Amino acid sequence: MVLNYQQIGQRIHVIRKAQKLTQAELAERANLSVPYISHIENGIKQASLQTVVNIAEALGGTVDKLLYDSWQDRRIDWQPELAELLSDCTASEQQFLLEVLIAVKHCTGRSKRIFTRTEY
């Protein structure tokens, strides 16, 4: 995966604006200079991993939110691992794990019951 620093900068900009923060406020929170924040947001400079971590923490989020554009991008990363985890499970074990996942999702307050079948 090749990092697109311009897109990372745009995500930082969008999140910062959504939180109604100025570049100066973000710079202070992340212990960076205002010009450096500007250069990152405009894709002029490539932020180090530590800088991305500092910015993510300053914005109250996670690094993955800054690195990935959408859940679609992340799905590519975790699908093979999920398939491997489920590969040696029986159908009833897979059903159980699905129900546990649905319960966990429900606890996050974002419940949408996708599956309604009780047998697989």
PDB file of N, CA and C in Angstrom:
ATOM      1  N   MET A   1       0.843  -1.180   0.000  1.00  0.00           N
ATOM      2  CA  MET A   1       0.000   0.000   0.000  1.00  0.00           C
ATOM      3  C   MET A   1       0.887   1.242   0.000  1.00  0.00           C
ATOM      4  N   VAL A   2       0.637   2.132  -0.912  1.00  0.00           N
ATOM      5  CA  VAL A   2       1.363   3.390  -1.007  1.00  0.00           C
ATOM      6  C   VAL A   2       0.541   4.467  -0.311  1.00  0.00           C
ATOM      7  N   LEU A   3       1.193   5.189   0.575  1.00  0.00           N
ATOM      8  CA  LEU A   3       0.496   6.263   1.290  1.00  0.00           C
ATOM      9  C   LEU A   3       0.362   7.486   0.396  1.00  0.00           C
ATOM     10  N   ASN A   4      -0.835   8.033   0.365  1.00  0.00           N
ATOM     11  CA  ASN A   4      -1.083   9.269  -0.372  1.00  0.00           C
ATOM     12  C   ASN A   4      -1.111  10.395   0.655  1.00  0.00           C
ATOM     13  N   TYR A   5      -0.004  11.100   0.777  1.00  0.00           N
ATOM     14  CA  TYR A   5       0.130  12.126   1.810  1.00  0.00           C
ATOM     15  C   TYR A   5      -0.799  13.309   1.573  1.00  0.00           C
ATOM     16  N   GLN A   6      -1.142  13.552   0.323  1.00  0.00           N
ATOM     17  CA  GLN A   6      -2.087  14.631   0.035  1.00  0.00           C
ATOM     18  C   GLN A   6      -3.467  14.272   0.598  1.00  0.00           C
ATOM     19  N   GLN A   7      -3.890  13.014   0.420  1.00  0.00           N
ATOM     20  CA  GLN A   7      -5.186  12.592   0.967  1.00  0.00           C
ATOM     21  C   GLN A   7      -5.163  12.590   2.497  1.00  0.00           C
ATOM     22  N   ILE A   8      -4.056  12.180   3.071  1.00  0.00           N
ATOM     23  CA  ILE A   8      -3.935  12.207   4.536  1.00  0.00           C
ATOM     24  C   ILE A   8      -4.082  13.645   5.025  1.00  0.00           C
ATOM     25  N   GLY A   9      -3.415  14.565   4.351  1.00  0.00           N
ATOM     26  CA  GLY A   9      -3.517  15.981   4.715  1.00  0.00           C
ATOM     27  C   GLY A   9      -4.942  16.498   4.576  1.00  0.00           C
ATOM     28  N   GLN A  10      -5.627  16.082   3.522  1.00  0.00           N
ATOM     29  CA  GLN A  10      -7.021  16.499   3.332  1.00  0.00           C
ATOM     30  C   GLN A  10      -7.908  15.956   4.452  1.00  0.00           C
ATOM     31  N   ARG A  11      -7.669  14.706   4.851  1.00  0.00           N
ATOM     32  CA  ARG A  11      -8.464  14.144   5.954  1.00  0.00           C
ATOM     33  C   ARG A  11      -8.224  14.915   7.244  1.00  0.00           C
ATOM     34  N   ILE A  12      -6.972  15.243   7.508  1.00  0.00           N
ATOM     35  CA  ILE A  12      -6.646  16.037   8.699  1.00  0.00           C
ATOM     36  C   ILE A  12      -7.383  17.368   8.635  1.00  0.00           C
ATOM     37  N   HIS A  13      -7.341  17.998   7.485  1.00  0.00           N
ATOM     38  CA  HIS A  13      -8.020  19.291   7.302  1.00  0.00           C
ATOM     39  C   HIS A  13      -9.520  19.174   7.565  1.00  0.00           C
ATOM     40  N   VAL A  14     -10.153  18.172   6.978  1.00  0.00           N
ATOM     41  CA  VAL A  14     -11.606  17.995   7.125  1.00  0.00           C
ATOM     42  C   VAL A  14     -11.973  17.738   8.587  1.00  0.00           C
ATOM     43  N   ILE A  15     -11.221  16.873   9.250  1.00  0.00           N
ATOM     44  CA  ILE A  15     -11.521  16.553  10.654  1.00  0.00           C
ATOM     45  C   ILE A  15     -11.297  17.785  11.528  1.00  0.00           C
ATOM     46  N   ARG A  16     -10.195  18.498  11.274  1.00  0.00           N
ATOM     47  CA  ARG A  16      -9.903  19.718  12.049  1.00  0.00           C
ATOM     48  C   ARG A  16     -11.019  20.742  11.894  1.00  0.00           C
ATOM     49  N   LYS A  17     -11.458  20.956  10.662  1.00  0.00           N
ATOM     50  CA  LYS A  17     -12.537  21.918  10.401  1.00  0.00           C
ATOM     51  C   LYS A  17     -13.841  21.461  11.057  1.00  0.00           C
ATOM     52  N   ALA A  18     -14.139  20.167  11.001  1.00  0.00           N
ATOM     53  CA  ALA A  18     -15.364  19.640  11.615  1.00  0.00           C
ATOM     54  C   ALA A  18     -15.365  19.883  13.122  1.00  0.00           C
ATOM     55  N   GLN A  19     -14.181  19.878  13.713  1.00  0.00           N
ATOM     56  CA  GLN A  19     -14.060  20.135  15.148  1.00  0.00           C
ATOM     57  C   GLN A  19     -13.907  21.624  15.455  1.00  0.00           C
ATOM     58  N   LYS A  20     -13.976  22.441  14.412  1.00  0.00           N
ATOM     59  CA  LYS A  20     -13.875  23.898  14.537  1.00  0.00           C
ATOM     60  C   LYS A  20     -12.571  24.325  15.217  1.00  0.00           C
ATOM     61  N   LEU A  21     -11.489  23.651  14.802  1.00  0.00           N
ATOM     62  CA  LEU A  21     -10.168  23.990  15.309  1.00  0.00           C
ATOM     63  C   LEU A  21      -9.416  24.786  14.258  1.00  0.00           C
ATOM     64  N   THR A  22      -8.625  25.713  14.695  1.00  0.00           N
ATOM     65  CA  THR A  22      -7.727  26.411  13.782  1.00  0.00           C
ATOM     66  C   THR A  22      -6.453  25.576  13.642  1.00  0.00           C
ATOM     67  N   GLN A  23      -5.667  25.911  12.634  1.00  0.00           N
ATOM     68  CA  GLN A  23      -4.380  25.226  12.493  1.00  0.00           C
ATOM     69  C   GLN A  23      -3.505  25.489  13.715  1.00  0.00           C
ATOM     70  N   ALA A  24      -3.610  26.676  14.267  1.00  0.00           N
ATOM     71  CA  ALA A  24      -2.821  27.016  15.461  1.00  0.00           C
ATOM     72  C   ALA A  24      -3.214  26.148  16.646  1.00  0.00           C
ATOM     73  N   GLU A  25      -4.518  25.929  16.813  1.00  0.00           N
ATOM     74  CA  GLU A  25      -4.975  25.094  17.927  1.00  0.00           C
ATOM     75  C   GLU A  25      -4.520  23.645  17.751  1.00  0.00           C
ATOM     76  N   LEU A  26      -4.628  23.141  16.522  1.00  0.00           N
ATOM     77  CA  LEU A  26      -4.167  21.774  16.268  1.00  0.00           C
ATOM     78  C   LEU A  26      -2.663  21.681  16.472  1.00  0.00           C
ATOM     79  N   ALA A  27      -1.936  22.660  15.983  1.00  0.00           N
ATOM     80  CA  ALA A  27      -0.477  22.663  16.137  1.00  0.00           C
ATOM     81  C   ALA A  27      -0.084  22.634  17.615  1.00  0.00           C
ATOM     82  N   GLU A  28      -0.771  23.429  18.415  1.00  0.00           N
ATOM     83  CA  GLU A  28      -0.468  23.455  19.850  1.00  0.00           C
ATOM     84  C   GLU A  28      -0.760  22.108  20.499  1.00  0.00           C
ATOM     85  N   ARG A  29      -1.915  21.526  20.174  1.00  0.00           N
ATOM     86  CA  ARG A  29      -2.291  20.220  20.748  1.00  0.00           C
ATOM     87  C   ARG A  29      -1.320  19.114  20.345  1.00  0.00           C
ATOM     88  N   ALA A  30      -0.825  19.185  19.098  1.00  0.00           N
ATOM     89  CA  ALA A  30       0.053  18.139  18.575  1.00  0.00           C
ATOM     90  C   ALA A  30       1.531  18.451  18.777  1.00  0.00           C
ATOM     91  N   ASN A  31       1.808  19.602  19.403  1.00  0.00           N
ATOM     92  CA  ASN A  31       3.186  20.040  19.651  1.00  0.00           C
ATOM     93  C   ASN A  31       3.967  20.179  18.339  1.00  0.00           C
ATOM     94  N   LEU A  32       3.321  20.836  17.365  1.00  0.00           N
ATOM     95  CA  LEU A  32       3.912  21.070  16.053  1.00  0.00           C
ATOM     96  C   LEU A  32       3.788  22.552  15.718  1.00  0.00           C
ATOM     97  N   SER A  33       4.464  22.982  14.678  1.00  0.00           N
ATOM     98  CA  SER A  33       4.346  24.386  14.264  1.00  0.00           C
ATOM     99  C   SER A  33       3.153  24.553  13.324  1.00  0.00           C
ATOM    100  N   VAL A  34       2.631  25.765  13.285  1.00  0.00           N
ATOM    101  CA  VAL A  34       1.501  26.067  12.397  1.00  0.00           C
ATOM    102  C   VAL A  34       1.892  25.874  10.930  1.00  0.00           C
ATOM    103  N   PRO A  35       3.068  26.373  10.496  1.00  0.00           N
ATOM    104  CA  PRO A  35       3.433  26.143   9.093  1.00  0.00           C
ATOM    105  C   PRO A  35       3.522  24.644   8.743  1.00  0.00           C
ATOM    106  N   TYR A  36       4.010  23.843   9.692  1.00  0.00           N
ATOM    107  CA  TYR A  36       4.126  22.401   9.423  1.00  0.00           C
ATOM    108  C   TYR A  36       2.744  21.777   9.263  1.00  0.00           C
ATOM    109  N   ILE A  37       1.785  22.156  10.112  1.00  0.00           N
ATOM    110  CA  ILE A  37       0.406  21.663   9.963  1.00  0.00           C
ATOM    111  C   ILE A  37      -0.129  22.068   8.591  1.00  0.00           C
ATOM    112  N   SER A  38       0.101  23.302   8.192  1.00  0.00           N
ATOM    113  CA  SER A  38      -0.345  23.786   6.889  1.00  0.00           C
ATOM    114  C   SER A  38       0.268  22.962   5.762  1.00  0.00           C
ATOM    115  N   HIS A  39       1.561  22.687   5.861  1.00  0.00           N
ATOM    116  CA  HIS A  39       2.245  21.913   4.829  1.00  0.00           C
ATOM    117  C   HIS A  39       1.723  20.478   4.767  1.00  0.00           C
ATOM    118  N   ILE A  40       1.421  19.904   5.908  1.00  0.00           N
ATOM    119  CA  ILE A  40       0.865  18.545   5.928  1.00  0.00           C
ATOM    120  C   ILE A  40      -0.524  18.543   5.291  1.00  0.00           C
ATOM    121  N   GLU A  41      -1.359  19.482   5.699  1.00  0.00           N
ATOM    122  CA  GLU A  41      -2.725  19.536   5.164  1.00  0.00           C
ATOM    123  C   GLU A  41      -2.733  19.773   3.655  1.00  0.00           C
ATOM    124  N   ASN A  42      -1.754  20.491   3.156  1.00  0.00           N
ATOM    125  CA  ASN A  42      -1.693  20.788   1.721  1.00  0.00           C
ATOM    126  C   ASN A  42      -0.865  19.779   0.937  1.00  0.00           C
ATOM    127  N   GLY A  43      -0.377  18.738   1.607  1.00  0.00           N
ATOM    128  CA  GLY A  43       0.379  17.697   0.934  1.00  0.00           C
ATOM    129  C   GLY A  43       1.774  18.108   0.512  1.00  0.00           C
ATOM    130  N   ILE A  44       2.273  19.197   1.075  1.00  0.00           N
ATOM    131  CA  ILE A  44       3.612  19.683   0.729  1.00  0.00           C
ATOM    132  C   ILE A  44       4.683  18.881   1.475  1.00  0.00           C
ATOM    133  N   LYS A  45       4.386  18.543   2.712  1.00  0.00           N
ATOM    134  CA  LYS A  45       5.311  17.761   3.544  1.00  0.00           C
ATOM    135  C   LYS A  45       4.700  16.400   3.845  1.00  0.00           C
ATOM    136  N   GLN A  46       5.564  15.404   3.997  1.00  0.00           N
ATOM    137  CA  GLN A  46       5.141  14.064   4.376  1.00  0.00           C
ATOM    138  C   GLN A  46       5.363  13.896   5.873  1.00  0.00           C
ATOM    139  N   ALA A  47       4.281  13.708   6.585  1.00  0.00           N
ATOM    140  CA  ALA A  47       4.365  13.573   8.040  1.00  0.00           C
ATOM    141  C   ALA A  47       4.970  12.230   8.415  1.00  0.00           C
ATOM    142  N   SER A  48       5.808  12.236   9.448  1.00  0.00           N
ATOM    143  CA  SER A  48       6.350  10.980   9.976  1.00  0.00           C
ATOM    144  C   SER A  48       5.241  10.237  10.713  1.00  0.00           C
ATOM    145  N   LEU A  49       5.490   8.978  11.011  1.00  0.00           N
ATOM    146  CA  LEU A  49       4.515   8.184  11.750  1.00  0.00           C
ATOM    147  C   LEU A  49       4.219   8.832  13.101  1.00  0.00           C
ATOM    148  N   GLN A  50       5.250   9.293  13.791  1.00  0.00           N
ATOM    149  CA  GLN A  50       5.034   9.928  15.098  1.00  0.00           C
ATOM    150  C   GLN A  50       4.193  11.185  14.956  1.00  0.00           C
ATOM    151  N   THR A  51       4.410  11.946  13.902  1.00  0.00           N
ATOM    152  CA  THR A  51       3.613  13.155  13.681  1.00  0.00           C
ATOM    153  C   THR A  51       2.154  12.792  13.424  1.00  0.00           C
ATOM    154  N   VAL A  52       1.916  11.760  12.637  1.00  0.00           N
ATOM    155  CA  VAL A  52       0.530  11.318  12.375  1.00  0.00           C
ATOM    156  C   VAL A  52      -0.119  10.867  13.679  1.00  0.00           C
ATOM    157  N   VAL A  53       0.621  10.157  14.506  1.00  0.00           N
ATOM    158  CA  VAL A  53       0.090   9.723  15.811  1.00  0.00           C
ATOM    159  C   VAL A  53      -0.244  10.948  16.658  1.00  0.00           C
ATOM    160  N   ASN A  54       0.644  11.921  16.711  1.00  0.00           N
ATOM    161  CA  ASN A  54       0.403  13.137  17.499  1.00  0.00           C
ATOM    162  C   ASN A  54      -0.838  13.881  17.009  1.00  0.00           C
ATOM    163  N   ILE A  55      -0.985  13.982  15.689  1.00  0.00           N
ATOM    164  CA  ILE A  55      -2.149  14.681  15.129  1.00  0.00           C
ATOM    165  C   ILE A  55      -3.422  13.913  15.426  1.00  0.00           C
ATOM    166  N   ALA A  56      -3.384  12.594  15.263  1.00  0.00           N
ATOM    167  CA  ALA A  56      -4.573  11.773  15.554  1.00  0.00           C
ATOM    168  C   ALA A  56      -5.000  11.950  17.004  1.00  0.00           C
ATOM    169  N   GLU A  57      -4.040  11.901  17.917  1.00  0.00           N
ATOM    170  CA  GLU A  57      -4.355  12.096  19.338  1.00  0.00           C
ATOM    171  C   GLU A  57      -4.887  13.497  19.591  1.00  0.00           C
ATOM    172  N   ALA A  58      -4.303  14.486  18.951  1.00  0.00           N
ATOM    173  CA  ALA A  58      -4.747  15.872  19.129  1.00  0.00           C
ATOM    174  C   ALA A  58      -6.182  16.066  18.629  1.00  0.00           C
ATOM    175  N   LEU A  59      -6.553  15.288  17.619  1.00  0.00           N
ATOM    176  CA  LEU A  59      -7.916  15.365  17.076  1.00  0.00           C
ATOM    177  C   LEU A  59      -8.875  14.421  17.789  1.00  0.00           C
ATOM    178  N   GLY A  60      -8.364  13.651  18.745  1.00  0.00           N
ATOM    179  CA  GLY A  60      -9.207  12.737  19.502  1.00  0.00           C
ATOM    180  C   GLY A  60      -9.636  11.525  18.693  1.00  0.00           C
ATOM    181  N   GLY A  61      -8.840  11.167  17.710  1.00  0.00           N
ATOM    182  CA  GLY A  61      -9.185  10.029  16.860  1.00  0.00           C
ATOM    183  C   GLY A  61      -8.070   9.009  16.822  1.00  0.00           C
ATOM    184  N   THR A  62      -8.085   8.213  15.775  1.00  0.00           N
ATOM    185  CA  THR A  62      -7.089   7.169  15.613  1.00  0.00           C
ATOM    186  C   THR A  62      -6.330   7.374  14.309  1.00  0.00           C
ATOM    187  N   VAL A  63      -5.168   6.786  14.238  1.00  0.00           N
ATOM    188  CA  VAL A  63      -4.321   6.898  13.060  1.00  0.00           C
ATOM    189  C   VAL A  63      -5.019   6.329  11.832  1.00  0.00           C
ATOM    190  N   ASP A  64      -5.746   5.233  11.997  1.00  0.00           N
ATOM    191  CA  ASP A  64      -6.394   4.619  10.830  1.00  0.00           C
ATOM    192  C   ASP A  64      -7.396   5.556  10.174  1.00  0.00           C
ATOM    193  N   LYS A  65      -8.021   6.425  10.945  1.00  0.00           N
ATOM    194  CA  LYS A  65      -8.957   7.396  10.356  1.00  0.00           C
ATOM    195  C   LYS A  65      -8.237   8.365   9.427  1.00  0.00           C
ATOM    196  N   LEU A  66      -6.993   8.651   9.739  1.00  0.00           N
ATOM    197  CA  LEU A  66      -6.219   9.565   8.907  1.00  0.00           C
ATOM    198  C   LEU A  66      -5.594   8.851   7.704  1.00  0.00           C
ATOM    199  N   LEU A  67      -5.249   7.578   7.881  1.00  0.00           N
ATOM    200  CA  LEU A  67      -4.572   6.850   6.819  1.00  0.00           C
ATOM    201  C   LEU A  67      -5.510   6.254   5.775  1.00  0.00           C
ATOM    202  N   TYR A  68      -6.713   5.865   6.196  1.00  0.00           N
ATOM    203  CA  TYR A  68      -7.648   5.215   5.287  1.00  0.00           C
ATOM    204  C   TYR A  68      -8.793   6.149   4.936  1.00  0.00           C
ATOM    205  N   ASP A  69      -9.165   6.120   3.681  1.00  0.00           N
ATOM    206  CA  ASP A  69     -10.225   7.000   3.198  1.00  0.00           C
ATOM    207  C   ASP A  69     -11.605   6.528   3.609  1.00  0.00           C
ATOM    208  N   SER A  70     -11.813   5.220   3.650  1.00  0.00           N
ATOM    209  CA  SER A  70     -13.149   4.713   3.934  1.00  0.00           C
ATOM    210  C   SER A  70     -13.056   3.316   4.507  1.00  0.00           C
ATOM    211  N   TRP A  71     -14.178   2.830   5.011  1.00  0.00           N
ATOM    212  CA  TRP A  71     -14.240   1.452   5.494  1.00  0.00           C
ATOM    213  C   TRP A  71     -13.966   0.478   4.365  1.00  0.00           C
ATOM    214  N   GLN A  72     -14.312   0.851   3.141  1.00  0.00           N
ATOM    215  CA  GLN A  72     -14.057  -0.020   1.997  1.00  0.00           C
ATOM    216  C   GLN A  72     -12.561  -0.328   1.898  1.00  0.00           C
ATOM    217  N   ASP A  73     -11.723   0.683   2.087  1.00  0.00           N
ATOM    218  CA  ASP A  73     -10.283   0.461   2.043  1.00  0.00           C
ATOM    219  C   ASP A  73      -9.843  -0.491   3.144  1.00  0.00           C
ATOM    220  N   ARG A  74     -10.382  -0.329   4.336  1.00  0.00           N
ATOM    221  CA  ARG A  74     -10.005  -1.162   5.464  1.00  0.00           C
ATOM    222  C   ARG A  74     -10.508  -2.583   5.311  1.00  0.00           C
ATOM    223  N   ARG A  75     -11.661  -2.753   4.660  1.00  0.00           N
ATOM    224  CA  ARG A  75     -12.230  -4.080   4.488  1.00  0.00           C
ATOM    225  C   ARG A  75     -11.248  -4.984   3.749  1.00  0.00           C
ATOM    226  N   ILE A  76     -10.542  -4.421   2.800  1.00  0.00           N
ATOM    227  CA  ILE A  76      -9.559  -5.183   2.043  1.00  0.00           C
ATOM    228  C   ILE A  76      -8.507  -5.751   2.986  1.00  0.00           C
ATOM    229  N   ASP A  77      -8.130  -5.009   4.001  1.00  0.00           N
ATOM    230  CA  ASP A  77      -7.088  -5.437   4.925  1.00  0.00           C
ATOM    231  C   ASP A  77      -7.527  -6.556   5.856  1.00  0.00           C
ATOM    232  N   TRP A  78      -8.764  -6.530   6.332  1.00  0.00           N
ATOM    233  CA  TRP A  78      -9.153  -7.494   7.357  1.00  0.00           C
ATOM    234  C   TRP A  78      -9.903  -8.703   6.832  1.00  0.00           C
ATOM    235  N   GLN A  79     -10.394  -8.688   5.619  1.00  0.00           N
ATOM    236  CA  GLN A  79     -11.158  -9.826   5.114  1.00  0.00           C
ATOM    237  C   GLN A  79     -10.361 -11.127   5.078  1.00  0.00           C
ATOM    238  N   PRO A  80      -9.125 -11.135   4.591  1.00  0.00           N
ATOM    239  CA  PRO A  80      -8.382 -12.399   4.595  1.00  0.00           C
ATOM    240  C   PRO A  80      -8.150 -12.939   6.008  1.00  0.00           C
ATOM    241  N   GLU A  81      -7.886 -12.053   6.936  1.00  0.00           N
ATOM    242  CA  GLU A  81      -7.671 -12.490   8.318  1.00  0.00           C
ATOM    243  C   GLU A  81      -8.956 -13.076   8.905  1.00  0.00           C
ATOM    244  N   LEU A  82     -10.078 -12.440   8.623  1.00  0.00           N
ATOM    245  CA  LEU A  82     -11.359 -12.953   9.098  1.00  0.00           C
ATOM    246  C   LEU A  82     -11.651 -14.320   8.489  1.00  0.00           C
ATOM    247  N   ALA A  83     -11.413 -14.465   7.207  1.00  0.00           N
ATOM    248  CA  ALA A  83     -11.636 -15.751   6.538  1.00  0.00           C
ATOM    249  C   ALA A  83     -10.769 -16.835   7.162  1.00  0.00           C
ATOM    250  N   GLU A  84      -9.528 -16.501   7.465  1.00  0.00           N
ATOM    251  CA  GLU A  84      -8.623 -17.468   8.100  1.00  0.00           C
ATOM    252  C   GLU A  84      -9.124 -17.852   9.487  1.00  0.00           C
ATOM    253  N   LEU A  85      -9.588 -16.876  10.245  1.00  0.00           N
ATOM    254  CA  LEU A  85     -10.100 -17.160  11.590  1.00  0.00           C
ATOM    255  C   LEU A  85     -11.304 -18.091  11.557  1.00  0.00           C
ATOM    256  N   LEU A  86     -12.155 -17.927  10.555  1.00  0.00           N
ATOM    257  CA  LEU A  86     -13.382 -18.720  10.466  1.00  0.00           C
ATOM    258  C   LEU A  86     -13.196 -20.041   9.729  1.00  0.00           C
ATOM    259  N   SER A  87     -12.057 -20.227   9.081  1.00  0.00           N
ATOM    260  CA  SER A  87     -11.870 -21.385   8.201  1.00  0.00           C
ATOM    261  C   SER A  87     -11.988 -22.729   8.908  1.00  0.00           C
ATOM    262  N   ASP A  88     -11.620 -22.803  10.165  1.00  0.00           N
ATOM    263  CA  ASP A  88     -11.697 -24.089  10.855  1.00  0.00           C
ATOM    264  C   ASP A  88     -12.894 -24.170  11.813  1.00  0.00           C
ATOM    265  N   CYS A  89     -13.838 -23.251  11.682  1.00  0.00           N
ATOM    266  CA  CYS A  89     -15.036 -23.251  12.529  1.00  0.00           C
ATOM    267  C   CYS A  89     -16.160 -24.032  11.855  1.00  0.00           C
ATOM    268  N   THR A  90     -16.945 -24.685  12.673  1.00  0.00           N
ATOM    269  CA  THR A  90     -18.135 -25.346  12.151  1.00  0.00           C
ATOM    270  C   THR A  90     -19.188 -24.280  11.850  1.00  0.00           C
ATOM    271  N   ALA A  91     -20.244 -24.698  11.162  1.00  0.00           N
ATOM    272  CA  ALA A  91     -21.321 -23.759  10.845  1.00  0.00           C
ATOM    273  C   ALA A  91     -21.940 -23.200  12.124  1.00  0.00           C
ATOM    274  N   SER A  92     -22.117 -24.021  13.131  1.00  0.00           N
ATOM    275  CA  SER A  92     -22.718 -23.531  14.382  1.00  0.00           C
ATOM    276  C   SER A  92     -21.770 -22.582  15.110  1.00  0.00           C
ATOM    277  N   GLU A  93     -20.467 -22.827  15.033  1.00  0.00           N
ATOM    278  CA  GLU A  93     -19.502 -21.909  15.639  1.00  0.00           C
ATOM    279  C   GLU A  93     -19.504 -20.563  14.900  1.00  0.00           C
ATOM    280  N   GLN A  94     -19.601 -20.610  13.572  1.00  0.00           N
ATOM    281  CA  GLN A  94     -19.672 -19.378  12.802  1.00  0.00           C
ATOM    282  C   GLN A  94     -20.936 -18.597  13.151  1.00  0.00           C
ATOM    283  N   GLN A  95     -22.061 -19.296  13.312  1.00  0.00           N
ATOM    284  CA  GLN A  95     -23.311 -18.653  13.698  1.00  0.00           C
ATOM    285  C   GLN A  95     -23.169 -17.990  15.064  1.00  0.00           C
ATOM    286  N   PHE A  96     -22.557 -18.702  15.997  1.00  0.00           N
ATOM    287  CA  PHE A  96     -22.342 -18.158  17.335  1.00  0.00           C
ATOM    288  C   PHE A  96     -21.488 -16.889  17.270  1.00  0.00           C
ATOM    289  N   LEU A  97     -20.385 -16.942  16.517  1.00  0.00           N
ATOM    290  CA  LEU A  97     -19.506 -15.782  16.397  1.00  0.00           C
ATOM    291  C   LEU A  97     -20.221 -14.607  15.740  1.00  0.00           C
ATOM    292  N   LEU A  98     -21.066 -14.894  14.762  1.00  0.00           N
ATOM    293  CA  LEU A  98     -21.854 -13.839  14.131  1.00  0.00           C
ATOM    294  C   LEU A  98     -22.774 -13.174  15.154  1.00  0.00           C
ATOM    295  N   GLU A  99     -23.428 -13.975  15.976  1.00  0.00           N
ATOM    296  CA  GLU A  99     -24.331 -13.426  16.985  1.00  0.00           C
ATOM    297  C   GLU A  99     -23.573 -12.604  18.025  1.00  0.00           C
ATOM    298  N   VAL A 100     -22.366 -13.045  18.380  1.00  0.00           N
ATOM    299  CA  VAL A 100     -21.537 -12.276  19.311  1.00  0.00           C
ATOM    300  C   VAL A 100     -21.162 -10.934  18.672  1.00  0.00           C
ATOM    301  N   LEU A 101     -20.778 -10.964  17.409  1.00  0.00           N
ATOM    302  CA  LEU A 101     -20.423  -9.733  16.705  1.00  0.00           C
ATOM    303  C   LEU A 101     -21.609  -8.778  16.618  1.00  0.00           C
ATOM    304  N   ILE A 102     -22.790  -9.307  16.329  1.00  0.00           N
ATOM    305  CA  ILE A 102     -23.996  -8.473  16.282  1.00  0.00           C
ATOM    306  C   ILE A 102     -24.267  -7.862  17.652  1.00  0.00           C
ATOM    307  N   ALA A 103     -24.096  -8.651  18.713  1.00  0.00           N
ATOM    308  CA  ALA A 103     -24.316  -8.135  20.070  1.00  0.00           C
ATOM    309  C   ALA A 103     -23.316  -7.031  20.404  1.00  0.00           C
ATOM    310  N   VAL A 104     -22.077  -7.216  20.017  1.00  0.00           N
ATOM    311  CA  VAL A 104     -21.054  -6.194  20.262  1.00  0.00           C
ATOM    312  C   VAL A 104     -21.387  -4.926  19.487  1.00  0.00           C
ATOM    313  N   LYS A 105     -21.774  -5.100  18.237  1.00  0.00           N
ATOM    314  CA  LYS A 105     -22.138  -3.932  17.431  1.00  0.00           C
ATOM    315  C   LYS A 105     -23.334  -3.217  18.051  1.00  0.00           C
ATOM    316  N   HIS A 106     -24.290  -3.975  18.540  1.00  0.00           N
ATOM    317  CA  HIS A 106     -25.461  -3.387  19.198  1.00  0.00           C
ATOM    318  C   HIS A 106     -25.032  -2.549  20.405  1.00  0.00           C
ATOM    319  N   CYS A 107     -24.048  -3.038  21.126  1.00  0.00           N
ATOM    320  CA  CYS A 107     -23.563  -2.316  22.305  1.00  0.00           C
ATOM    321  C   CYS A 107     -22.893  -0.997  21.934  1.00  0.00           C
ATOM    322  N   THR A 108     -22.427  -0.885  20.723  1.00  0.00           N
ATOM    323  CA  THR A 108     -21.799   0.369  20.302  1.00  0.00           C
ATOM    324  C   THR A 108     -22.841   1.418  19.930  1.00  0.00           C
ATOM    325  N   GLY A 109     -24.112   1.016  19.880  1.00  0.00           N
ATOM    326  CA  GLY A 109     -25.173   1.956  19.548  1.00  0.00           C
ATOM    327  C   GLY A 109     -25.394   2.122  18.070  1.00  0.00           C
ATOM    328  N   ARG A 110     -24.781   1.284  17.272  1.00  0.00           N
ATOM    329  CA  ARG A 110     -24.910   1.387  15.824  1.00  0.00           C
ATOM    330  C   ARG A 110     -25.468   0.087  15.263  1.00  0.00           C
ATOM    331  N   SER A 111     -26.467  -0.432  15.901  1.00  0.00           N
ATOM    332  CA  SER A 111     -26.999  -1.734  15.543  1.00  0.00           C
ATOM    333  C   SER A 111     -27.819  -1.694  14.265  1.00  0.00           C
ATOM    334  N   LYS A 112     -27.493  -2.596  13.388  1.00  0.00           N
ATOM    335  CA  LYS A 112     -28.296  -2.853  12.196  1.00  0.00           C
ATOM    336  C   LYS A 112     -28.252  -4.357  11.998  1.00  0.00           C
ATOM    337  N   ARG A 113     -29.334  -4.997  12.205  1.00  0.00           N
ATOM    338  CA  ARG A 113     -29.339  -6.452  12.051  1.00  0.00           C
ATOM    339  C   ARG A 113     -29.315  -6.774  10.562  1.00  0.00           C
ATOM    340  N   ILE A 114     -28.201  -7.276  10.105  1.00  0.00           N
ATOM    341  CA  ILE A 114     -28.024  -7.580   8.705  1.00  0.00           C
ATOM    342  C   ILE A 114     -28.531  -8.981   8.397  1.00  0.00           C
ATOM    343  N   PHE A 115     -28.231  -9.906   9.267  1.00  0.00           N
ATOM    344  CA  PHE A 115     -28.599 -11.290   9.051  1.00  0.00           C
ATOM    345  C   PHE A 115     -29.803 -11.624   9.907  1.00  0.00           C
ATOM    346  N   THR A 116     -30.779 -12.278   9.339  1.00  0.00           N
ATOM    347  CA  THR A 116     -31.953 -12.655  10.094  1.00  0.00           C
ATOM    348  C   THR A 116     -32.148 -14.155  10.156  1.00  0.00           C
ATOM    349  N   ARG A 117     -31.390 -14.880   9.349  1.00  0.00           N
ATOM    350  CA  ARG A 117     -31.490 -16.330   9.372  1.00  0.00           C
ATOM    351  C   ARG A 117     -30.872 -16.863  10.644  1.00  0.00           C
ATOM    352  N   THR A 118     -31.414 -17.936  11.181  1.00  0.00           N
ATOM    353  CA  THR A 118     -30.843 -18.546  12.364  1.00  0.00           C
ATOM    354  C   THR A 118     -30.066 -19.801  12.034  1.00  0.00           C
ATOM    355  N   GLU A 119     -30.149 -20.270  10.799  1.00  0.00           N
ATOM    356  CA  GLU A 119     -29.403 -21.464  10.389  1.00  0.00           C
ATOM    357  C   GLU A 119     -28.548 -21.125   9.175  1.00  0.00           C
ATOM    358  N   TYR A 120     -27.388 -21.716   9.113  1.00  0.00           N
ATOM    359  CA  TYR A 120     -26.494 -21.529   7.965  1.00  0.00           C
ATOM    360  C   TYR A 120     -26.054 -22.857   7.442  1.00  0.00           C
TER     361      TYR A 120
END
